[in-house]
């Protein structure tokens, strides 16, 4: 996955998470930061950093919601759409789609294998942090 991400980064000059955000935004006209974070399985604060870099490159625009002044709406710029049109598939999307397509029994085997890896690494004591704040 790392090699695939590096290849995509070299081709687009974007990190995997930046490209993933663009791909998600391309599928929806407008999206809130919180919803993008949910779809990326990341914390909103993490997504804000990704968006800062995408906005600086002119690929994403952020506007205050007219319905809720606390909320920020996101959308791709024309330049952002151009990047998405030429960009390769994102490894993170391939992983999420692949896991989603598994039968329950197969998915449980993957989870069991991951839990075994955690034990091998001696990381059982590390509690996973919630994805959304």
N, C-alpha and C. Protein backbone atom coordinates (compact mmCIF):
# COMPACT_ATOMS: atom_id res chain seq x y z
N UNK A 1 0.83 -1.18 0.00
CA UNK A 1 0.00 0.00 0.00
C UNK A 1 0.87 1.25 0.00
N UNK A 2 1.98 1.19 0.74
CA UNK A 2 2.88 2.33 0.81
C UNK A 2 3.48 2.67 -0.54
N UNK A 3 3.88 1.64 -1.28
CA UNK A 3 4.47 1.86 -2.61
C UNK A 3 3.43 2.45 -3.56
N UNK A 4 2.22 1.95 -3.48
CA UNK A 4 1.14 2.46 -4.33
C UNK A 4 0.89 3.93 -4.00
N UNK A 5 0.85 4.27 -2.71
CA UNK A 5 0.62 5.66 -2.29
C UNK A 5 1.75 6.57 -2.76
N UNK A 6 3.00 6.08 -2.66
CA UNK A 6 4.14 6.89 -3.12
C UNK A 6 4.06 7.15 -4.62
N UNK A 7 3.63 6.14 -5.36
CA UNK A 7 3.49 6.29 -6.81
C UNK A 7 2.43 7.34 -7.14
N UNK A 8 1.29 7.27 -6.45
CA UNK A 8 0.21 8.24 -6.66
C UNK A 8 0.67 9.64 -6.25
N UNK A 9 1.43 9.71 -5.16
CA UNK A 9 1.92 11.01 -4.69
C UNK A 9 2.87 11.63 -5.71
N UNK A 10 3.72 10.80 -6.29
CA UNK A 10 4.67 11.30 -7.30
C UNK A 10 3.91 11.80 -8.53
N UNK A 11 2.87 11.08 -8.90
CA UNK A 11 2.09 11.44 -10.10
C UNK A 11 1.26 12.71 -9.89
N UNK A 12 0.70 12.89 -8.69
CA UNK A 12 -0.23 14.00 -8.46
C UNK A 12 0.34 15.12 -7.59
N UNK A 13 1.47 14.87 -6.95
CA UNK A 13 2.05 15.80 -5.97
C UNK A 13 1.11 16.03 -4.79
N UNK A 14 0.31 15.02 -4.49
CA UNK A 14 -0.60 15.04 -3.34
C UNK A 14 -0.36 13.79 -2.51
N UNK A 15 -0.55 13.90 -1.20
CA UNK A 15 -0.45 12.72 -0.35
C UNK A 15 -1.68 11.85 -0.55
N UNK A 16 -1.60 10.61 -0.09
CA UNK A 16 -2.76 9.71 -0.17
C UNK A 16 -4.00 10.30 0.47
N UNK A 17 -3.91 10.82 1.72
CA UNK A 17 -5.10 11.41 2.34
C UNK A 17 -5.64 12.63 1.59
N UNK A 18 -4.76 13.44 1.00
CA UNK A 18 -5.23 14.59 0.23
C UNK A 18 -6.01 14.13 -0.99
N UNK A 19 -5.47 13.15 -1.69
CA UNK A 19 -6.15 12.63 -2.87
C UNK A 19 -7.45 11.94 -2.49
N UNK A 20 -7.44 11.23 -1.37
CA UNK A 20 -8.65 10.57 -0.88
C UNK A 20 -9.74 11.61 -0.62
N UNK A 21 -9.39 12.71 0.03
CA UNK A 21 -10.36 13.78 0.30
C UNK A 21 -10.93 14.32 -1.01
N UNK A 22 -10.07 14.55 -1.99
CA UNK A 22 -10.55 15.06 -3.28
C UNK A 22 -11.50 14.08 -3.94
N UNK A 23 -11.18 12.79 -3.89
CA UNK A 23 -12.03 11.77 -4.51
C UNK A 23 -13.41 11.74 -3.86
N UNK A 24 -13.45 11.88 -2.53
CA UNK A 24 -14.73 11.89 -1.83
C UNK A 24 -15.52 13.14 -2.21
N UNK A 25 -14.85 14.30 -2.21
CA UNK A 25 -15.53 15.55 -2.55
C UNK A 25 -16.03 15.54 -3.99
N UNK A 26 -15.36 14.83 -4.86
CA UNK A 26 -15.77 14.76 -6.26
C UNK A 26 -17.12 14.06 -6.43
N UNK A 27 -17.46 13.21 -5.50
CA UNK A 27 -18.70 12.43 -5.61
C UNK A 27 -19.92 13.18 -5.04
N UNK A 28 -19.68 14.31 -4.36
CA UNK A 28 -20.78 15.06 -3.75
C UNK A 28 -20.62 16.54 -4.03
N UNK A 29 -21.73 17.22 -4.28
CA UNK A 29 -21.67 18.64 -4.64
C UNK A 29 -21.06 19.48 -3.51
N UNK A 30 -21.56 19.32 -2.32
CA UNK A 30 -21.06 20.05 -1.14
C UNK A 30 -21.02 19.09 0.02
N UNK A 31 -20.05 19.30 0.87
CA UNK A 31 -19.88 18.42 2.02
C UNK A 31 -19.37 19.23 3.18
N UNK A 32 -19.78 18.88 4.38
CA UNK A 32 -19.28 19.52 5.59
C UNK A 32 -17.99 18.84 6.02
N UNK A 33 -17.15 19.57 6.75
CA UNK A 33 -15.89 19.02 7.24
C UNK A 33 -16.16 17.77 8.08
N UNK A 34 -17.16 17.84 8.95
CA UNK A 34 -17.46 16.70 9.83
C UNK A 34 -17.85 15.45 9.02
N UNK A 35 -18.58 15.65 7.94
CA UNK A 35 -18.99 14.51 7.11
C UNK A 35 -17.81 13.95 6.33
N UNK A 36 -16.94 14.82 5.84
CA UNK A 36 -15.74 14.34 5.16
C UNK A 36 -14.88 13.53 6.14
N UNK A 37 -14.73 14.03 7.36
CA UNK A 37 -13.95 13.32 8.38
C UNK A 37 -14.56 11.94 8.64
N UNK A 38 -15.88 11.87 8.73
CA UNK A 38 -16.55 10.59 8.98
C UNK A 38 -16.27 9.62 7.83
N UNK A 39 -16.37 10.10 6.60
CA UNK A 39 -16.16 9.22 5.45
C UNK A 39 -14.70 8.78 5.30
N UNK A 40 -13.78 9.58 5.85
CA UNK A 40 -12.36 9.23 5.78
C UNK A 40 -11.89 8.47 7.02
N UNK A 41 -12.78 8.28 7.99
CA UNK A 41 -12.44 7.60 9.24
C UNK A 41 -11.32 8.35 9.97
N UNK A 42 -11.40 9.68 9.95
CA UNK A 42 -10.41 10.53 10.60
C UNK A 42 -11.10 11.53 11.51
N UNK A 43 -10.34 12.12 12.40
CA UNK A 43 -10.87 13.18 13.26
C UNK A 43 -11.00 14.47 12.44
N UNK A 44 -12.01 15.29 12.74
CA UNK A 44 -12.17 16.56 12.02
C UNK A 44 -10.91 17.43 12.05
N UNK A 45 -10.21 17.46 13.19
CA UNK A 45 -8.99 18.28 13.28
C UNK A 45 -7.93 17.81 12.28
N UNK A 46 -7.85 16.51 12.06
CA UNK A 46 -6.90 15.97 11.09
C UNK A 46 -7.30 16.38 9.67
N UNK A 47 -8.59 16.32 9.40
CA UNK A 47 -9.09 16.67 8.07
C UNK A 47 -8.88 18.16 7.79
N UNK A 48 -9.00 19.00 8.80
CA UNK A 48 -8.78 20.43 8.61
C UNK A 48 -7.36 20.68 8.10
N UNK A 49 -6.38 19.97 8.64
CA UNK A 49 -5.00 20.11 8.15
C UNK A 49 -4.86 19.70 6.70
N UNK A 50 -5.53 18.62 6.32
CA UNK A 50 -5.52 18.16 4.93
C UNK A 50 -6.15 19.23 4.04
N UNK A 51 -7.28 19.78 4.49
CA UNK A 51 -7.99 20.80 3.71
C UNK A 51 -7.18 22.09 3.59
N UNK A 52 -6.45 22.45 4.64
CA UNK A 52 -5.60 23.65 4.57
C UNK A 52 -4.64 23.54 3.39
N UNK A 53 -4.01 22.38 3.25
CA UNK A 53 -3.05 22.19 2.17
C UNK A 53 -3.73 22.14 0.80
N UNK A 54 -4.90 21.51 0.73
CA UNK A 54 -5.62 21.45 -0.54
C UNK A 54 -6.13 22.83 -0.96
N UNK A 55 -6.58 23.61 0.00
CA UNK A 55 -7.05 24.97 -0.30
C UNK A 55 -5.88 25.85 -0.77
N UNK A 56 -4.73 25.70 -0.13
CA UNK A 56 -3.54 26.47 -0.52
C UNK A 56 -3.12 26.15 -1.96
N UNK A 57 -3.41 24.93 -2.41
CA UNK A 57 -3.08 24.53 -3.78
C UNK A 57 -4.19 24.89 -4.76
N UNK A 58 -5.28 25.48 -4.25
CA UNK A 58 -6.38 25.89 -5.11
C UNK A 58 -7.27 24.76 -5.57
N UNK A 59 -7.28 23.64 -4.83
CA UNK A 59 -8.05 22.47 -5.25
C UNK A 59 -9.40 22.34 -4.56
N UNK A 60 -9.56 23.03 -3.43
CA UNK A 60 -10.78 22.95 -2.62
C UNK A 60 -11.15 24.36 -2.19
N UNK A 61 -12.44 24.63 -2.10
CA UNK A 61 -12.88 25.90 -1.52
C UNK A 61 -13.74 25.61 -0.30
N UNK A 62 -13.63 26.51 0.69
CA UNK A 62 -14.42 26.40 1.92
C UNK A 62 -15.25 27.66 2.06
N UNK A 63 -16.54 27.47 2.37
CA UNK A 63 -17.42 28.62 2.61
C UNK A 63 -18.27 28.34 3.83
N UNK A 64 -18.55 29.40 4.58
CA UNK A 64 -19.44 29.28 5.75
C UNK A 64 -20.84 28.92 5.26
N UNK A 65 -21.46 28.00 5.94
CA UNK A 65 -22.82 27.60 5.61
C UNK A 65 -23.77 28.75 5.91
N UNK A 66 -24.71 28.98 5.01
CA UNK A 66 -25.72 30.03 5.24
C UNK A 66 -26.75 29.57 6.27
N UNK A 67 -26.96 28.26 6.37
CA UNK A 67 -27.93 27.72 7.33
C UNK A 67 -27.36 27.66 8.74
N UNK A 68 -26.08 27.39 8.86
CA UNK A 68 -25.44 27.23 10.17
C UNK A 68 -24.06 27.88 10.10
N UNK A 69 -23.93 29.06 10.67
CA UNK A 69 -22.69 29.84 10.56
C UNK A 69 -21.49 29.12 11.18
N UNK A 70 -21.74 28.13 12.03
CA UNK A 70 -20.63 27.38 12.63
C UNK A 70 -20.05 26.35 11.67
N UNK A 71 -20.84 25.97 10.69
CA UNK A 71 -20.45 24.90 9.77
C UNK A 71 -19.74 25.47 8.53
N UNK A 72 -18.85 24.66 7.98
CA UNK A 72 -18.12 25.03 6.77
C UNK A 72 -18.44 24.02 5.68
N UNK A 73 -18.87 24.54 4.52
CA UNK A 73 -19.15 23.69 3.36
C UNK A 73 -17.91 23.61 2.49
N UNK A 74 -17.68 22.43 1.95
CA UNK A 74 -16.51 22.18 1.10
C UNK A 74 -16.97 21.83 -0.30
N UNK A 75 -16.18 22.25 -1.28
CA UNK A 75 -16.40 21.76 -2.64
C UNK A 75 -15.12 21.87 -3.44
N UNK A 76 -15.05 21.04 -4.46
CA UNK A 76 -13.88 21.06 -5.34
C UNK A 76 -13.91 22.29 -6.23
N UNK A 77 -12.74 22.82 -6.52
CA UNK A 77 -12.62 23.85 -7.54
C UNK A 77 -12.47 23.15 -8.89
N UNK A 78 -12.47 23.93 -9.96
CA UNK A 78 -12.24 23.34 -11.28
C UNK A 78 -10.88 22.64 -11.32
N UNK A 79 -9.88 23.27 -10.70
CA UNK A 79 -8.54 22.65 -10.66
C UNK A 79 -8.60 21.32 -9.91
N UNK A 80 -9.37 21.27 -8.83
CA UNK A 80 -9.53 20.04 -8.06
C UNK A 80 -10.17 18.94 -8.89
N UNK A 81 -11.20 19.31 -9.66
CA UNK A 81 -11.85 18.33 -10.52
C UNK A 81 -10.87 17.80 -11.58
N UNK A 82 -10.03 18.68 -12.08
CA UNK A 82 -9.03 18.27 -13.07
C UNK A 82 -8.05 17.26 -12.50
N UNK A 83 -7.62 17.49 -11.26
CA UNK A 83 -6.70 16.55 -10.61
C UNK A 83 -7.37 15.19 -10.43
N UNK A 84 -8.62 15.20 -9.96
CA UNK A 84 -9.35 13.95 -9.73
C UNK A 84 -9.51 13.18 -11.04
N UNK A 85 -9.81 13.89 -12.12
CA UNK A 85 -10.03 13.22 -13.41
C UNK A 85 -8.79 12.47 -13.88
N UNK A 86 -7.61 12.96 -13.55
CA UNK A 86 -6.36 12.34 -14.01
C UNK A 86 -5.71 11.43 -12.97
N UNK A 87 -6.19 11.48 -11.74
CA UNK A 87 -5.52 10.79 -10.63
C UNK A 87 -5.82 9.29 -10.62
N UNK A 88 -4.84 8.50 -10.18
CA UNK A 88 -5.08 7.06 -10.01
C UNK A 88 -6.00 6.81 -8.81
N UNK A 89 -6.47 5.59 -8.70
CA UNK A 89 -7.29 5.23 -7.54
C UNK A 89 -6.45 5.36 -6.28
N UNK A 90 -7.10 5.64 -5.18
CA UNK A 90 -6.42 5.86 -3.91
C UNK A 90 -6.39 4.55 -3.13
N UNK A 91 -5.22 4.22 -2.58
CA UNK A 91 -5.07 2.96 -1.83
C UNK A 91 -6.07 2.86 -0.69
N UNK A 92 -6.33 3.96 0.01
CA UNK A 92 -7.26 3.93 1.13
C UNK A 92 -8.66 3.55 0.66
N UNK A 93 -9.08 4.09 -0.49
CA UNK A 93 -10.40 3.76 -1.02
C UNK A 93 -10.45 2.28 -1.41
N UNK A 94 -9.39 1.80 -2.04
CA UNK A 94 -9.34 0.39 -2.42
C UNK A 94 -9.45 -0.51 -1.20
N UNK A 95 -8.77 -0.13 -0.11
CA UNK A 95 -8.82 -0.92 1.12
C UNK A 95 -10.22 -0.91 1.73
N UNK A 96 -10.82 0.27 1.86
CA UNK A 96 -12.17 0.37 2.43
C UNK A 96 -13.16 -0.41 1.57
N UNK A 97 -13.10 -0.23 0.26
CA UNK A 97 -14.02 -0.95 -0.63
C UNK A 97 -13.81 -2.46 -0.55
N UNK A 98 -12.55 -2.87 -0.50
CA UNK A 98 -12.25 -4.30 -0.40
C UNK A 98 -12.77 -4.91 0.89
N UNK A 99 -12.56 -4.23 2.00
CA UNK A 99 -13.05 -4.73 3.29
C UNK A 99 -14.57 -4.74 3.33
N UNK A 100 -15.19 -3.73 2.74
CA UNK A 100 -16.66 -3.65 2.72
C UNK A 100 -17.28 -4.78 1.90
N UNK A 101 -16.55 -5.26 0.91
CA UNK A 101 -17.07 -6.30 0.03
C UNK A 101 -16.94 -7.71 0.61
N UNK A 102 -16.18 -7.86 1.69
CA UNK A 102 -15.97 -9.18 2.28
C UNK A 102 -17.24 -9.73 2.92
N UNK A 103 -17.40 -11.04 2.82
CA UNK A 103 -18.46 -11.71 3.57
C UNK A 103 -18.11 -11.60 5.05
N UNK A 104 -19.10 -11.72 5.91
CA UNK A 104 -18.87 -11.56 7.35
C UNK A 104 -17.78 -12.50 7.87
N UNK A 105 -17.81 -13.74 7.44
CA UNK A 105 -16.81 -14.72 7.90
C UNK A 105 -15.39 -14.30 7.48
N UNK A 106 -15.26 -13.86 6.23
CA UNK A 106 -13.94 -13.40 5.75
C UNK A 106 -13.49 -12.17 6.53
N UNK A 107 -14.41 -11.24 6.73
CA UNK A 107 -14.09 -10.02 7.47
C UNK A 107 -13.62 -10.35 8.88
N UNK A 108 -14.31 -11.29 9.53
CA UNK A 108 -13.92 -11.69 10.89
C UNK A 108 -12.53 -12.32 10.91
N UNK A 109 -12.18 -13.07 9.86
CA UNK A 109 -10.83 -13.63 9.78
C UNK A 109 -9.78 -12.53 9.66
N UNK A 110 -10.08 -11.50 8.89
CA UNK A 110 -9.16 -10.36 8.77
C UNK A 110 -8.99 -9.69 10.13
N UNK A 111 -10.09 -9.46 10.83
CA UNK A 111 -10.04 -8.84 12.16
C UNK A 111 -9.22 -9.71 13.11
N UNK A 112 -9.47 -11.01 13.10
CA UNK A 112 -8.70 -11.92 13.96
C UNK A 112 -7.20 -11.82 13.65
N UNK A 113 -6.86 -11.78 12.38
CA UNK A 113 -5.46 -11.65 11.98
C UNK A 113 -4.85 -10.34 12.46
N UNK A 114 -5.61 -9.27 12.37
CA UNK A 114 -5.10 -7.98 12.83
C UNK A 114 -4.92 -7.98 14.35
N UNK A 115 -5.86 -8.59 15.06
CA UNK A 115 -5.73 -8.67 16.51
C UNK A 115 -4.50 -9.50 16.89
N UNK A 116 -4.23 -10.54 16.12
CA UNK A 116 -3.04 -11.36 16.36
C UNK A 116 -1.77 -10.53 16.14
N UNK A 117 -1.76 -9.71 15.10
CA UNK A 117 -0.62 -8.83 14.84
C UNK A 117 -0.40 -7.85 15.99
N UNK A 118 -1.49 -7.32 16.54
CA UNK A 118 -1.39 -6.40 17.68
C UNK A 118 -0.71 -7.11 18.85
N UNK A 119 -1.09 -8.37 19.09
CA UNK A 119 -0.47 -9.15 20.17
C UNK A 119 1.01 -9.39 19.90
N UNK A 120 1.33 -9.75 18.66
CA UNK A 120 2.73 -9.99 18.30
C UNK A 120 3.56 -8.74 18.56
N UNK A 121 3.00 -7.58 18.25
CA UNK A 121 3.71 -6.31 18.43
C UNK A 121 3.69 -5.83 19.88
N UNK A 122 2.97 -6.56 20.74
CA UNK A 122 2.90 -6.17 22.14
C UNK A 122 2.13 -4.88 22.36
N UNK A 123 1.14 -4.64 21.52
CA UNK A 123 0.41 -3.37 21.59
C UNK A 123 -1.02 -3.53 22.11
N UNK A 124 -1.30 -4.66 22.78
CA UNK A 124 -2.67 -4.89 23.26
C UNK A 124 -3.11 -3.82 24.24
N UNK A 125 -2.15 -3.27 24.98
CA UNK A 125 -2.49 -2.27 26.00
C UNK A 125 -2.86 -0.92 25.40
N UNK A 126 -2.55 -0.70 24.14
CA UNK A 126 -2.88 0.57 23.50
C UNK A 126 -4.33 0.54 23.05
N UNK A 127 -5.12 1.36 23.65
CA UNK A 127 -6.54 1.41 23.30
C UNK A 127 -6.72 2.25 22.04
N UNK A 128 -7.54 1.79 21.09
CA UNK A 128 -7.79 2.62 19.92
C UNK A 128 -8.51 3.90 20.33
N UNK A 129 -8.15 4.98 19.69
CA UNK A 129 -8.78 6.26 19.96
C UNK A 129 -10.02 6.39 19.10
N UNK A 130 -11.06 7.06 19.60
CA UNK A 130 -12.25 7.26 18.77
C UNK A 130 -11.89 8.08 17.53
N UNK A 131 -12.51 7.76 16.42
CA UNK A 131 -12.21 8.46 15.18
C UNK A 131 -12.85 9.83 15.12
N UNK A 132 -13.97 9.99 15.77
CA UNK A 132 -14.71 11.25 15.67
C UNK A 132 -14.78 11.89 17.03
N UNK A 133 -14.52 13.20 17.06
CA UNK A 133 -14.64 13.91 18.33
C UNK A 133 -15.91 14.70 18.38
